[in-house]
Amino acid sequence: MRTFTPDEANALLAELRPLVERLVDRKHRLDEAEEGRRGLLARIGANGGDITPSDVAEVTQRVERAAEAVDALVADIRAHGVQIKDLDVGLLDFPWMRDGEVVLLCWRLGEEEIGYWHGMDEGYAGRKPL
């Protein structure tokens, strides 16, 4: 597991911020595509109406493309040794060795820099200022 200092993590944000912005957007698109698929499946379950096989194929492809985009961005971010905690809001954790213990530097999309940390078992609700 890679560890970061606060300075290293903040420096990496310049590269990660645009990826996280795209990730949150693509996750939103994936949610919309899945909602469309659920709606289509509900219509099929209610006798289908005027649904064609191409309708099913189109919505399936939209979900698959959106999921692939999310997966690719997740892989890009994780390749830096960063943990993704929430795709919907762009919440990242950076392992940090603090006083001989591994804790997590915590950053959320919209924050200028990393200003918080929490223990491994505390999560976002346990954030403390640096």
C-alpha atoms as a PDB file:
ATOM      1  CA  MET A   1       0.000   0.000   0.000  1.00  0.00           C
ATOM      2  CA  ARG A   2       1.364   3.350  -1.033  1.00  0.00           C
ATOM      3  CA  THR A   3       1.330   6.088   1.595  1.00  0.00           C
ATOM      4  CA  PHE A   4       1.281   9.831   1.008  1.00  0.00           C
ATOM      5  CA  THR A   5       2.283  12.876   2.950  1.00  0.00           C
ATOM      6  CA  PRO A   6      -0.291  15.670   2.967  1.00  0.00           C
ATOM      7  CA  ASP A   7       1.933  17.636   0.553  1.00  0.00           C
ATOM      8  CA  GLU A   8       2.228  14.677  -1.841  1.00  0.00           C
ATOM      9  CA  ALA A   9      -1.518  14.061  -1.763  1.00  0.00           C
ATOM     10  CA  ASN A  10      -2.304  17.729  -2.389  1.00  0.00           C
ATOM     11  CA  ALA A  11       0.156  17.825  -5.293  1.00  0.00           C
ATOM     12  CA  LEU A  12      -1.545  14.774  -6.821  1.00  0.00           C
ATOM     13  CA  LEU A  13      -4.929  16.510  -6.676  1.00  0.00           C
ATOM     14  CA  ALA A  14      -3.986  18.603  -9.718  1.00  0.00           C
ATOM     15  CA  GLU A  15      -3.962  15.386 -11.748  1.00  0.00           C
ATOM     16  CA  LEU A  16      -6.821  13.624  -9.950  1.00  0.00           C
ATOM     17  CA  ARG A  17      -9.372  16.445  -9.745  1.00  0.00           C
ATOM     18  CA  PRO A  18     -10.314  16.336 -13.468  1.00  0.00           C
ATOM     19  CA  LEU A  19     -10.522  12.529 -13.315  1.00  0.00           C
ATOM     20  CA  VAL A  20     -12.817  12.695 -10.283  1.00  0.00           C
ATOM     21  CA  GLU A  21     -14.986  15.340 -11.967  1.00  0.00           C
ATOM     22  CA  ARG A  22     -15.402  13.039 -14.962  1.00  0.00           C
ATOM     23  CA  LEU A  23     -15.984  10.052 -12.686  1.00  0.00           C
ATOM     24  CA  VAL A  24     -18.845  11.770 -10.851  1.00  0.00           C
ATOM     25  CA  ASP A  25     -20.364  12.831 -14.183  1.00  0.00           C
ATOM     26  CA  ARG A  26     -20.025   9.352 -15.707  1.00  0.00           C
ATOM     27  CA  LYS A  27     -21.470   7.746 -12.571  1.00  0.00           C
ATOM     28  CA  HIS A  28     -24.467  10.063 -12.872  1.00  0.00           C
ATOM     29  CA  ARG A  29     -24.862   9.009 -16.530  1.00  0.00           C
ATOM     30  CA  LEU A  30     -24.613   5.354 -15.523  1.00  0.00           C
ATOM     31  CA  ASP A  31     -27.344   5.852 -12.921  1.00  0.00           C
ATOM     32  CA  GLU A  32     -29.562   7.485 -15.558  1.00  0.00           C
ATOM     33  CA  ALA A  33     -28.918   4.672 -18.041  1.00  0.00           C
ATOM     34  CA  GLU A  34     -29.720   2.043 -15.421  1.00  0.00           C
ATOM     35  CA  GLU A  35     -32.911   3.889 -14.520  1.00  0.00           C
ATOM     36  CA  GLY A  36     -33.880   3.848 -18.206  1.00  0.00           C
ATOM     37  CA  ARG A  37     -33.207   0.122 -18.333  1.00  0.00           C
ATOM     38  CA  ARG A  38     -35.310  -0.493 -15.223  1.00  0.00           C
ATOM     39  CA  GLY A  39     -38.141   1.511 -16.764  1.00  0.00           C
ATOM     40  CA  LEU A  40     -37.921  -0.487 -19.972  1.00  0.00           C
ATOM     41  CA  LEU A  41     -37.909  -3.777 -18.048  1.00  0.00           C
ATOM     42  CA  ALA A  42     -40.978  -2.632 -16.111  1.00  0.00           C
ATOM     43  CA  ARG A  43     -42.749  -1.895 -19.394  1.00  0.00           C
ATOM     44  CA  ILE A  44     -41.781  -5.320 -20.705  1.00  0.00           C
ATOM     45  CA  GLY A  45     -43.130  -6.898 -17.529  1.00  0.00           C
ATOM     46  CA  ALA A  46     -46.429  -5.101 -18.133  1.00  0.00           C
ATOM     47  CA  ASN A  47     -46.821  -6.662 -21.601  1.00  0.00           C
ATOM     48  CA  GLY A  48     -44.240  -4.548 -23.356  1.00  0.00           C
ATOM     49  CA  GLY A  49     -46.412  -2.273 -25.382  1.00  0.00           C
ATOM     50  CA  ASP A  50     -44.534  -1.071 -28.447  1.00  0.00           C
ATOM     51  CA  ILE A  51     -41.025  -2.108 -27.314  1.00  0.00           C
ATOM     52  CA  THR A  52     -38.762  -3.474 -30.044  1.00  0.00           C
ATOM     53  CA  PRO A  53     -35.635  -5.607 -29.733  1.00  0.00           C
ATOM     54  CA  SER A  54     -33.623  -2.569 -30.841  1.00  0.00           C
ATOM     55  CA  ASP A  55     -35.005  -0.622 -27.848  1.00  0.00           C
ATOM     56  CA  VAL A  56     -33.656  -3.289 -25.517  1.00  0.00           C
ATOM     57  CA  ALA A  57     -30.317  -3.430 -27.334  1.00  0.00           C
ATOM     58  CA  GLU A  58     -29.949   0.348 -27.241  1.00  0.00           C
ATOM     59  CA  VAL A  59     -30.595   0.700 -23.528  1.00  0.00           C
ATOM     60  CA  THR A  60     -28.313  -2.265 -22.799  1.00  0.00           C
ATOM     61  CA  GLN A  61     -25.499  -0.707 -24.833  1.00  0.00           C
ATOM     62  CA  ARG A  62     -25.975   2.641 -23.068  1.00  0.00           C
ATOM     63  CA  VAL A  63     -25.610   0.957 -19.670  1.00  0.00           C
ATOM     64  CA  GLU A  64     -22.555  -1.015 -20.817  1.00  0.00           C
ATOM     65  CA  ARG A  65     -20.813   2.066 -22.262  1.00  0.00           C
ATOM     66  CA  ALA A  66     -21.497   4.077 -19.121  1.00  0.00           C
ATOM     67  CA  ALA A  67     -20.236   1.266 -16.880  1.00  0.00           C
ATOM     68  CA  GLU A  68     -17.060   0.913 -18.962  1.00  0.00           C
ATOM     69  CA  ALA A  69     -16.393   4.651 -18.663  1.00  0.00           C
ATOM     70  CA  VAL A  70     -16.815   4.495 -14.887  1.00  0.00           C
ATOM     71  CA  ASP A  71     -14.593   1.402 -14.646  1.00  0.00           C
ATOM     72  CA  ALA A  72     -11.819   3.032 -16.683  1.00  0.00           C
ATOM     73  CA  LEU A  73     -11.800   6.159 -14.509  1.00  0.00           C
ATOM     74  CA  VAL A  74     -11.852   4.098 -11.309  1.00  0.00           C
ATOM     75  CA  ALA A  75      -8.838   2.135 -12.577  1.00  0.00           C
ATOM     76  CA  ASP A  76      -6.972   5.345 -13.484  1.00  0.00           C
ATOM     77  CA  ILE A  77      -7.538   6.820 -10.030  1.00  0.00           C
ATOM     78  CA  ARG A  78      -6.728   3.621  -8.133  1.00  0.00           C
ATOM     79  CA  ALA A  79      -3.509   3.229 -10.138  1.00  0.00           C
ATOM     80  CA  HIS A  80      -2.172   6.184  -8.135  1.00  0.00           C
ATOM     81  CA  GLY A  81      -2.637   4.276  -4.866  1.00  0.00           C
ATOM     82  CA  VAL A  82      -5.713   6.297  -3.915  1.00  0.00           C
ATOM     83  CA  GLN A  83      -8.872   4.767  -2.445  1.00  0.00           C
ATOM     84  CA  ILE A  84     -12.240   5.763  -3.887  1.00  0.00           C
ATOM     85  CA  LYS A  85     -14.871   5.904  -1.164  1.00  0.00           C
ATOM     86  CA  ASP A  86     -17.901   7.421  -2.902  1.00  0.00           C
ATOM     87  CA  LEU A  87     -18.420   7.636  -6.664  1.00  0.00           C
ATOM     88  CA  ASP A  88     -21.464   9.899  -6.392  1.00  0.00           C
ATOM     89  CA  VAL A  89     -19.693  12.771  -4.620  1.00  0.00           C
ATOM     90  CA  GLY A  90     -16.063  12.124  -5.561  1.00  0.00           C
ATOM     91  CA  LEU A  91     -14.723  11.111  -2.148  1.00  0.00           C
ATOM     92  CA  LEU A  92     -11.104   9.913  -2.020  1.00  0.00           C
ATOM     93  CA  ASP A  93      -8.820   8.659   0.742  1.00  0.00           C
ATOM     94  CA  PHE A  94      -5.023   8.732   0.647  1.00  0.00           C
ATOM     95  CA  PRO A  95      -3.197   6.418   3.090  1.00  0.00           C
ATOM     96  CA  TRP A  96      -0.906   8.440   5.373  1.00  0.00           C
ATOM     97  CA  MET A  97       1.579   7.260   7.986  1.00  0.00           C
ATOM     98  CA  ARG A  98       0.795   9.490  10.973  1.00  0.00           C
ATOM     99  CA  ASP A  99       2.710   8.955  14.207  1.00  0.00           C
ATOM    100  CA  GLY A 100       3.513   5.355  13.230  1.00  0.00           C
ATOM    101  CA  GLU A 101      -0.088   4.472  12.328  1.00  0.00           C
ATOM    102  CA  VAL A 102      -1.695   4.308   8.892  1.00  0.00           C
ATOM    103  CA  VAL A 103      -4.658   6.690   8.704  1.00  0.00           C
ATOM    104  CA  LEU A 104      -6.420   8.254   5.732  1.00  0.00           C
ATOM    105  CA  LEU A 105      -6.174  11.732   4.330  1.00  0.00           C
ATOM    106  CA  CYS A 106      -9.673  12.554   3.154  1.00  0.00           C
ATOM    107  CA  TRP A 107     -10.698  14.747   0.200  1.00  0.00           C
ATOM    108  CA  ARG A 108     -14.030  15.387  -1.455  1.00  0.00           C
ATOM    109  CA  LEU A 109     -14.626  16.944  -4.854  1.00  0.00           C
ATOM    110  CA  GLY A 110     -15.236  20.654  -4.361  1.00  0.00           C
ATOM    111  CA  GLU A 111     -12.637  21.047  -1.622  1.00  0.00           C
ATOM    112  CA  GLU A 112      -9.600  23.109  -2.642  1.00  0.00           C
ATOM    113  CA  GLU A 113      -7.112  20.860  -0.907  1.00  0.00           C
ATOM    114  CA  ILE A 114      -6.840  18.033   1.567  1.00  0.00           C
ATOM    115  CA  GLY A 115      -7.616  19.458   4.960  1.00  0.00           C
ATOM    116  CA  TYR A 116      -8.883  16.394   6.845  1.00  0.00           C
ATOM    117  CA  TRP A 117      -7.909  12.927   7.946  1.00  0.00           C
ATOM    118  CA  HIS A 118      -9.598  10.030   9.738  1.00  0.00           C
ATOM    119  CA  GLY A 119      -8.723   6.635  11.147  1.00  0.00           C
ATOM    120  CA  MET A 120      -9.025   3.509   9.051  1.00  0.00           C
ATOM    121  CA  ASP A 121     -12.297   2.530  10.749  1.00  0.00           C
ATOM    122  CA  GLU A 122     -13.840   5.979  11.138  1.00  0.00           C
ATOM    123  CA  GLY A 123     -14.829   7.020   7.640  1.00  0.00           C
ATOM    124  CA  TYR A 124     -16.039  10.409   6.447  1.00  0.00           C
ATOM    125  CA  ALA A 125     -18.071  11.104   9.587  1.00  0.00           C
ATOM    126  CA  GLY A 126     -14.876  10.851  11.661  1.00  0.00           C
ATOM    127  CA  ARG A 127     -12.937  13.491   9.709  1.00  0.00           C
ATOM    128  CA  LYS A 128     -10.591  15.663  11.724  1.00  0.00           C
ATOM    129  CA  PRO A 129      -8.798  18.816  10.543  1.00  0.00           C
ATOM    130  CA  LEU A 130      -5.112  18.386   9.732  1.00  0.00           C
END
